[in-house]
Protein backbone atom coordinates (compact mmCIF):
# COMPACT_ATOMS: atom_id res chain seq x y z
CA MET A 1 -4.44 17.50 -5.57
CA THR A 2 -4.82 14.16 -7.31
CA GLY A 3 -2.02 13.03 -9.75
CA ILE A 4 -2.69 11.13 -12.60
CA ARG A 5 -0.04 9.60 -15.17
CA HIS A 6 -1.67 7.39 -18.35
CA ILE A 7 -0.16 3.94 -18.58
CA TRP A 8 0.49 2.97 -21.99
CA MET A 9 1.77 -0.57 -23.09
CA VAL A 10 1.89 -0.62 -26.68
CA LEU A 11 1.95 -4.28 -28.58
CA ALA A 12 3.08 -3.68 -32.23
CA GLY A 13 3.86 -7.08 -33.83
CA CYS A 14 5.77 -8.40 -36.59
CA PHE A 15 7.27 -11.45 -38.01
CA LEU A 16 10.26 -13.05 -37.81
CA GLY A 17 12.32 -13.97 -40.39
CA VAL A 18 12.22 -17.65 -40.37
CA SER A 19 8.13 -19.35 -39.95
CA CYS A 20 8.35 -21.85 -36.95
CA SER A 21 7.35 -24.53 -39.27
CA LEU A 22 8.60 -25.29 -43.11
CA ILE A 23 5.33 -27.89 -43.03
CA ASP A 24 2.43 -26.97 -40.79
CA GLU A 25 0.64 -23.74 -42.35
CA ASP A 26 -0.92 -23.34 -38.57
CA MET A 27 1.19 -20.51 -37.44
CA SER A 28 -0.62 -20.00 -34.38
CA ASP A 29 2.50 -20.99 -32.17
CA CYS A 30 4.70 -19.40 -34.00
CA GLY A 31 6.34 -16.34 -31.53
CA LYS A 32 6.24 -12.79 -32.31
CA ASP A 33 8.53 -9.66 -31.53
CA TYR A 34 6.35 -7.34 -29.42
CA THR A 35 7.55 -3.41 -27.92
CA LEU A 36 5.90 -3.13 -24.98
CA ASP A 37 5.88 0.30 -23.60
CA TYR A 38 5.11 1.10 -19.49
CA GLU A 39 4.41 3.66 -17.80
CA LEU A 40 3.24 4.13 -13.73
CA ARG A 41 -0.28 5.12 -13.11
CA LEU A 42 -0.40 7.41 -9.76
CA VAL A 43 -3.24 8.26 -8.01
CA THR A 44 -2.72 9.73 -5.04
CA ASN A 45 -4.03 12.03 -2.28
CA MET A 46 -1.07 13.34 -0.84
CA THR A 47 -0.55 16.64 -0.94
CA THR A 48 -4.35 17.60 -0.74
CA GLU A 49 -4.10 15.56 3.04
CA ILE A 50 -0.70 17.16 4.10
CA LYS A 51 -2.42 20.34 3.08
CA THR A 52 -5.04 20.18 4.64
CA GLU A 53 -4.33 18.56 8.40
CA LEU A 54 -0.76 20.48 8.41
CA SER A 55 -2.17 24.34 7.67
CA LEU A 56 -1.34 26.17 10.60
CA ASP A 57 2.57 28.21 10.86
CA THR A 58 3.60 25.86 13.64
CA GLU A 59 3.09 23.02 11.41
CA ILE A 60 4.61 24.12 8.55
CA SER A 61 7.98 22.43 9.41
CA VAL A 62 6.18 19.17 9.19
CA ALA A 63 4.09 19.79 6.20
CA LYS A 64 7.57 20.03 4.77
CA ALA A 65 9.48 17.08 6.48
CA LEU A 66 6.66 14.94 5.72
CA GLU A 67 6.42 15.46 2.27
CA ALA A 68 10.05 14.78 2.03
CA TYR A 69 9.56 11.33 3.72
CA LEU A 70 7.00 10.42 1.69
CA GLY A 71 8.52 11.69 -1.86
CA GLU A 72 9.98 8.30 -2.33
CA ILE A 73 7.22 6.89 -1.79
CA PHE A 74 4.08 8.07 -3.42
CA THR A 75 6.55 8.42 -6.83
CA ASP A 76 5.56 6.75 -10.68
CA PHE A 77 9.81 6.52 -10.66
CA ALA A 78 9.94 2.45 -10.67
CA HIS A 79 13.41 0.60 -9.95
CA ASP A 80 12.85 -2.70 -11.10
CA VAL A 81 9.81 -4.51 -13.19
CA ASP A 82 8.37 -7.68 -12.83
CA LEU A 83 6.45 -8.56 -15.97
CA SER A 84 4.43 -13.08 -15.85
CA PHE A 85 2.12 -14.31 -18.69
CA TYR A 86 -0.03 -16.41 -17.79
CA ASP A 87 -2.51 -19.46 -19.23
CA VAL A 88 -5.96 -18.77 -19.44
CA GLU A 89 -6.99 -22.17 -19.06
CA GLY A 90 -5.98 -25.07 -17.07
CA ASP A 91 -4.33 -23.89 -13.60
CA SER A 92 -3.08 -20.77 -14.77
CA VAL A 93 0.47 -21.58 -15.17
CA SER A 94 3.37 -18.99 -15.72
CA LEU A 95 4.27 -19.43 -19.76
CA HIS A 96 6.38 -16.29 -19.88
CA HIS A 97 8.56 -14.40 -17.41
CA GLU A 98 10.39 -11.55 -17.29
CA LYS A 99 12.41 -9.18 -14.91
CA HIS A 100 13.91 -5.84 -15.57
CA VAL A 101 15.62 -2.61 -14.01
CA MET A 102 13.58 0.23 -14.81
CA ASP A 103 14.59 3.07 -13.13
CA ALA A 104 12.76 5.58 -14.40
CA SER A 105 9.23 6.72 -15.09
CA GLN A 106 8.31 4.85 -18.59
CA SER A 107 10.55 2.06 -20.37
CA SER A 108 10.51 0.06 -23.42
CA TYR A 109 11.12 -3.76 -23.43
CA THR A 110 11.09 -6.27 -26.55
CA LEU A 111 9.51 -9.90 -26.04
CA TYR A 112 9.14 -12.56 -28.17
CA ILE A 113 6.33 -14.76 -27.19
CA PRO A 114 3.94 -17.20 -28.97
CA VAL A 115 0.58 -15.84 -30.29
CA ARG A 116 -2.68 -16.98 -28.30
CA GLU A 117 -4.13 -15.74 -25.00
CA TYR A 118 -2.62 -14.55 -22.05
CA MET A 119 -3.18 -12.91 -18.35
CA HIS A 120 -0.64 -10.46 -18.00
CA VAL A 121 0.88 -9.44 -14.47
CA ALA A 122 3.04 -6.53 -13.76
CA VAL A 123 4.17 -5.39 -10.62
CA ALA A 124 6.75 -2.69 -9.97
CA ASN A 125 9.22 -1.99 -7.28
CA VAL A 126 9.40 -4.88 -5.14
CA GLU A 127 13.46 -5.59 -4.49
CA LYS A 128 13.90 -2.71 -2.48
CA ASN A 129 10.89 -2.30 -0.65
CA GLY A 130 12.30 -4.51 2.59
CA ASP A 131 9.60 -6.40 4.10
CA VAL A 132 7.60 -7.59 1.09
CA ALA A 133 8.14 -9.83 -2.14
CA LEU A 134 6.24 -11.41 -4.85
CA GLU A 135 5.53 -15.46 -3.81
CA LYS A 136 3.90 -17.95 -5.61
CA ASP A 137 3.92 -16.71 -9.12
CA GLU A 138 4.13 -19.60 -10.89
CA LYS A 139 0.53 -19.53 -11.17
CA CYS A 140 -2.07 -16.73 -11.83
CA HIS A 141 -4.28 -17.19 -8.93
CA THR A 142 -1.56 -17.93 -6.23
CA SER A 143 0.58 -15.14 -7.34
CA ALA A 144 0.86 -12.50 -4.42
CA LEU A 145 2.78 -9.48 -2.52
CA THR A 146 3.23 -11.04 0.75
CA GLN A 147 4.52 -9.56 3.73
CA PHE A 148 7.21 -11.47 6.23
CA ASP A 149 5.69 -12.78 8.41
CA GLN A 150 6.68 -11.77 11.68
CA ASP A 151 5.47 -9.96 14.80
CA THR A 152 6.66 -6.74 13.82
CA ILE A 153 7.90 -5.64 10.80
CA ALA A 154 9.23 -2.10 9.50
CA SER A 155 7.87 0.17 7.23
CA HIS A 156 7.78 -0.27 3.45
CA ARG A 157 10.74 1.62 1.64
CA THR A 158 8.61 1.87 -1.93
CA GLY A 159 5.72 2.53 -2.99
CA LEU A 160 4.64 -0.72 -4.43
CA TYR A 161 2.55 -0.90 -8.19
CA SER A 162 0.86 -4.14 -10.42
CA ALA A 163 -1.61 -4.35 -12.96
CA ARG A 164 -3.39 -7.02 -14.83
CA LEU A 165 -4.53 -7.33 -18.26
CA PRO A 166 -6.17 -10.20 -20.03
CA MET A 167 -4.15 -9.83 -23.51
CA ASP A 168 -5.04 -11.84 -26.92
CA ILE A 169 -2.40 -11.92 -29.08
CA ARG A 170 -3.78 -12.45 -32.93
CA GLU A 171 -1.89 -13.43 -35.56
CA GLY A 172 -0.81 -10.80 -38.26
CA LYS A 173 -2.96 -7.88 -36.87
CA ASP A 174 -1.77 -4.93 -35.10
CA GLN A 175 -2.88 -4.20 -31.84
CA GLU A 176 -2.96 -1.75 -28.75
CA PHE A 177 -3.65 -2.37 -25.26
CA ASP A 178 -4.13 0.11 -22.82
CA VAL A 179 -2.76 -0.74 -19.13
CA LYS A 180 -2.70 0.82 -16.07
CA LEU A 181 -0.48 -0.42 -12.68
CA TYR A 182 -2.15 1.09 -9.60
CA MET A 183 -0.54 1.81 -6.28
CA ALA A 184 -0.89 -1.16 -3.90
CA ASN A 185 0.32 0.47 -0.63
CA CYS A 186 -0.37 3.33 1.27
CA ALA A 187 0.91 5.47 3.86
CA SER A 188 0.08 6.70 7.33
CA ALA A 189 1.69 10.08 9.65
CA LEU A 190 0.29 10.43 13.45
CA VAL A 191 1.74 14.04 14.64
CA LEU A 192 1.77 14.82 18.15
CA ASP A 193 2.13 17.65 20.12
CA THR A 194 4.79 17.32 23.01
CA LEU A 195 5.17 20.99 24.43
CA GLY A 196 4.65 20.82 28.08
CA SER A 197 4.04 17.41 28.45
CA GLY A 198 7.76 16.66 30.03
CA ILE A 199 8.09 13.16 28.21
CA ARG A 200 11.70 11.58 27.99
CA ASP A 201 11.04 10.02 24.45
CA ILE A 202 8.25 8.23 22.39
CA LYS A 203 8.22 5.33 20.49
CA VAL A 204 5.06 4.44 17.85
CA PHE A 205 3.56 1.59 15.90
CA ALA A 206 0.69 0.77 13.60
CA SER A 207 -1.32 -2.13 13.12
CA GLY A 208 -4.94 -3.37 11.66
CA PHE A 209 -3.22 -3.60 7.83
CA ALA A 210 -3.82 -6.66 4.93
CA THR A 211 -0.39 -8.69 5.27
CA SER A 212 -0.98 -9.54 1.55
CA PHE A 213 -2.07 -8.57 -2.22
CA SER A 214 -3.82 -11.48 -4.63
CA LEU A 215 -2.21 -10.04 -8.36
CA ALA A 216 -5.19 -12.07 -10.05
CA ASP A 217 -7.97 -10.47 -8.54
CA SER A 218 -6.72 -7.60 -6.53
CA THR A 219 -7.38 -8.87 -3.30
CA TYR A 220 -6.09 -7.92 0.23
CA ARG A 221 -5.45 -10.76 2.90
CA PHE A 222 -5.37 -10.30 6.23
CA ALA A 223 -3.63 -13.76 7.42
CA HIS A 224 -2.75 -11.63 10.79
CA SER A 225 -2.40 -8.23 12.22
CA PRO A 226 1.95 -7.52 12.16
CA ILE A 227 2.86 -4.35 14.34
CA VAL A 228 4.61 -1.88 12.14
CA LYS A 229 7.24 0.37 13.27
CA ALA A 230 6.39 3.60 12.75
CA ASP A 231 9.67 6.00 11.25
CA LYS A 232 10.40 9.29 13.38
CA VAL A 233 10.35 11.71 10.23
CA PRO A 234 13.20 14.20 11.02
CA VAL A 235 11.83 17.91 11.70
CA GLN A 236 14.40 20.83 10.99
CA ASP A 237 12.72 23.21 13.02
CA ASP A 238 11.41 22.78 16.98
CA PRO A 239 11.77 19.20 16.50
CA ASP A 240 11.24 18.68 20.55
CA ALA A 241 7.75 20.60 20.34
CA MET A 242 5.95 18.72 17.20
CA LEU A 243 6.94 15.10 16.71
CA CYS A 244 5.73 13.22 13.15
CA PHE A 245 6.13 9.58 12.89
CA ALA A 246 4.95 7.82 9.35
CA ALA A 247 3.98 4.30 8.38
CA VAL A 248 3.89 3.00 5.06
CA THR A 249 1.92 -0.55 5.05
CA PHE A 250 -1.22 -2.63 3.38
CA PRO A 251 -4.13 -0.93 3.51
CA SER A 252 -6.60 -1.57 6.11
CA GLN A 253 -9.97 -3.27 5.99
CA ASP A 254 -12.75 -1.22 4.34
CA VAL A 255 -15.83 -1.04 6.62
CA LYS A 256 -17.04 -4.34 4.92
CA GLY A 257 -14.75 -7.17 4.22
CA THR A 258 -11.42 -7.62 2.55
CA LYS A 259 -12.05 -5.52 -0.90
CA VAL A 260 -10.34 -2.07 -0.59
CA ARG A 261 -11.59 0.50 -3.44
CA ILE A 262 -10.61 4.00 -3.68
CA ASP A 263 -12.67 6.98 -3.17
CA THR A 264 -13.44 9.49 -0.86
CA ASP A 265 -13.23 9.19 2.83
CA ASP A 266 -16.36 9.28 5.40
CA GLU A 267 -14.75 10.50 7.90
CA ASP A 268 -18.23 11.51 9.43
CA VAL A 269 -18.22 8.97 12.21
CA THR A 270 -17.39 8.41 16.14
CA VAL A 271 -15.82 5.66 17.25
CA GLU A 272 -14.24 3.79 20.46
CA ALA A 273 -10.70 2.55 19.99
CA GLU A 274 -11.78 -1.11 19.85
CA GLU A 275 -14.71 -0.22 16.48
CA ALA A 276 -11.13 0.76 14.62
CA LEU A 277 -10.08 -0.68 11.39
CA TRP A 278 -6.73 0.62 12.30
CA ASN A 279 -4.86 1.69 14.75
CA PHE A 280 -1.34 3.86 15.67
CA ARG A 281 0.16 2.72 19.19
CA VAL A 282 2.13 5.40 21.18
CA TYR A 283 4.38 4.63 24.19
CA THR A 284 5.44 7.60 25.92
CA LEU A 285 8.59 7.07 28.32
CA LEU A 286 8.06 9.36 31.68
CA SER A 287 10.71 11.30 33.48
CA ASP A 288 10.01 8.69 36.43
CA GLY A 289 10.89 6.08 33.93
CA SER A 290 7.14 4.21 33.62
CA VAL A 291 5.56 3.98 30.25
CA THR A 292 1.97 5.04 29.01
CA GLU A 293 0.53 2.86 26.37
CA THR A 294 -2.12 4.50 24.31
CA ILE A 295 -3.88 2.92 21.65
CA MET A 296 -5.44 4.99 19.37
CA GLY A 297 -8.23 3.91 16.63
CA VAL A 298 -8.86 5.16 13.39
CA LYS A 299 -12.74 4.30 11.77
CA VAL A 300 -12.00 5.74 8.32
CA PRO A 301 -10.55 3.36 5.98
CA LEU A 302 -6.57 3.58 4.48
CA ARG A 303 -6.61 2.86 1.02
CA PRO A 304 -4.28 2.48 -1.53
CA GLY A 305 -2.54 5.34 -2.62
CA ARG A 306 -3.58 7.00 0.07
CA LEU A 307 -2.08 8.99 2.95
CA LYS A 308 -3.83 9.59 5.94
CA VAL A 309 -2.75 12.59 8.72
CA VAL A 310 -3.15 11.78 12.48
CA LYS A 311 -2.74 14.92 14.73
CA GLY A 312 -2.71 14.16 18.85
CA ILE A 313 -1.44 15.93 21.96
CA ILE A 314 0.52 14.42 24.57
CA LEU A 315 -1.03 14.83 28.02
CA ASP A 316 1.37 15.25 31.48
CA ASP A 317 0.42 11.18 32.34
CA GLY A 318 2.09 10.63 28.88
CA SER A 319 -1.40 9.46 27.17
CA CYS A 320 -2.39 10.57 23.92
CA VAL A 321 -5.59 13.00 22.70
CA SER A 322 -7.07 13.65 19.17
CA CYS A 323 -9.50 15.99 18.87
CA VAL A 324 -11.71 14.38 15.31
CA PRO A 325 -14.51 12.35 16.16
CA TYR A 326 -12.90 9.46 13.22
CA VAL A 327 -10.32 8.79 16.12
CA GLY A 328 -11.00 6.80 19.26
CA ALA A 329 -8.22 6.26 22.04
CA SER A 330 -7.51 3.51 24.81
CA VAL A 331 -5.01 4.24 27.44
CA THR A 332 -3.27 2.34 29.92
CA LEU A 333 -1.04 4.25 32.61
CA GLN A 334 2.33 2.18 34.13
CA TRP A 335 1.91 -0.19 31.04
CA ASN A 336 5.57 -0.57 31.91
CA GLU A 337 6.88 0.10 35.34
CA MET A 338 10.69 -1.38 34.47
CA PRO A 339 13.32 1.29 34.72
CA GLU A 340 14.61 0.50 31.39
CA TRP A 341 13.25 2.00 27.90
CA ASN A 342 11.51 -1.47 26.36
CA VAL A 343 8.84 -1.61 24.43
CA ASP A 344 8.31 -5.72 23.82
CA VAL A 345 5.37 -5.31 21.10
């Protein structure tokens, strides 16, 4: 089910008791107090995807575990908000900046800013994300949510939200602005049937996702391709037979270009692993100490606010196969013949 919550940002201006100048009648630079009411907007397919892909009786416990794990990601609750107001002329420098601890789905703040035009940019849930930071925010056109530049990173720990809005604050006029904060990251999950495979251990990574998100134009950048370590989701019932791994990341590339949009996935395709937009990397440790590598390429784009669940089966040789046409696989047996369990990616 797609959950939608509206976001309103109301600016009600009122003059201060003291004028900016007792001589100059031009009040264009005079400051005003404004009350801003924020609410997050969540548009996601999480519930629908889990119910559709994990509907069998043997998958119920996995579905519950995955929903619980992602409940802290796909949420309209914001811990922190970062508010910037930029000049709309010249080099788009920052004119006003504030940070607040929100700890709620809705909160209000009072700001004192001069009457003029602004480009307002807001981001939420950055502080506790772990591997993403707000960088180069001194200017609007360089401001971005950027992952740390590492070869291997952890899964994002928060659902990131952002919004931008042109604001023309006028003298002596009550104004109302409608602002929507959309989710900037997404999630993927790999559910594996390991019953009868005889593997000793398994590790899952994901790759093929954006490395930064430009706030000025909502464009994702793909500077390099870091490996994201997928978290093993704890499943209470029969944990050894059905395993679940999940990763929270920026989106993948779309079919063409780096713009990513929210709409319906086109899954009616067949793909080889090397043609994929993003992939899972599965490493299984066999009883003889060897490691099998399977790269599962996914043709379906992973878009902001979306969850994609991929299911697979682990075979006796440690390889992983999926029965859906939009997932291909490339397998390397004896990928690591060393007796120790050491996956160096």
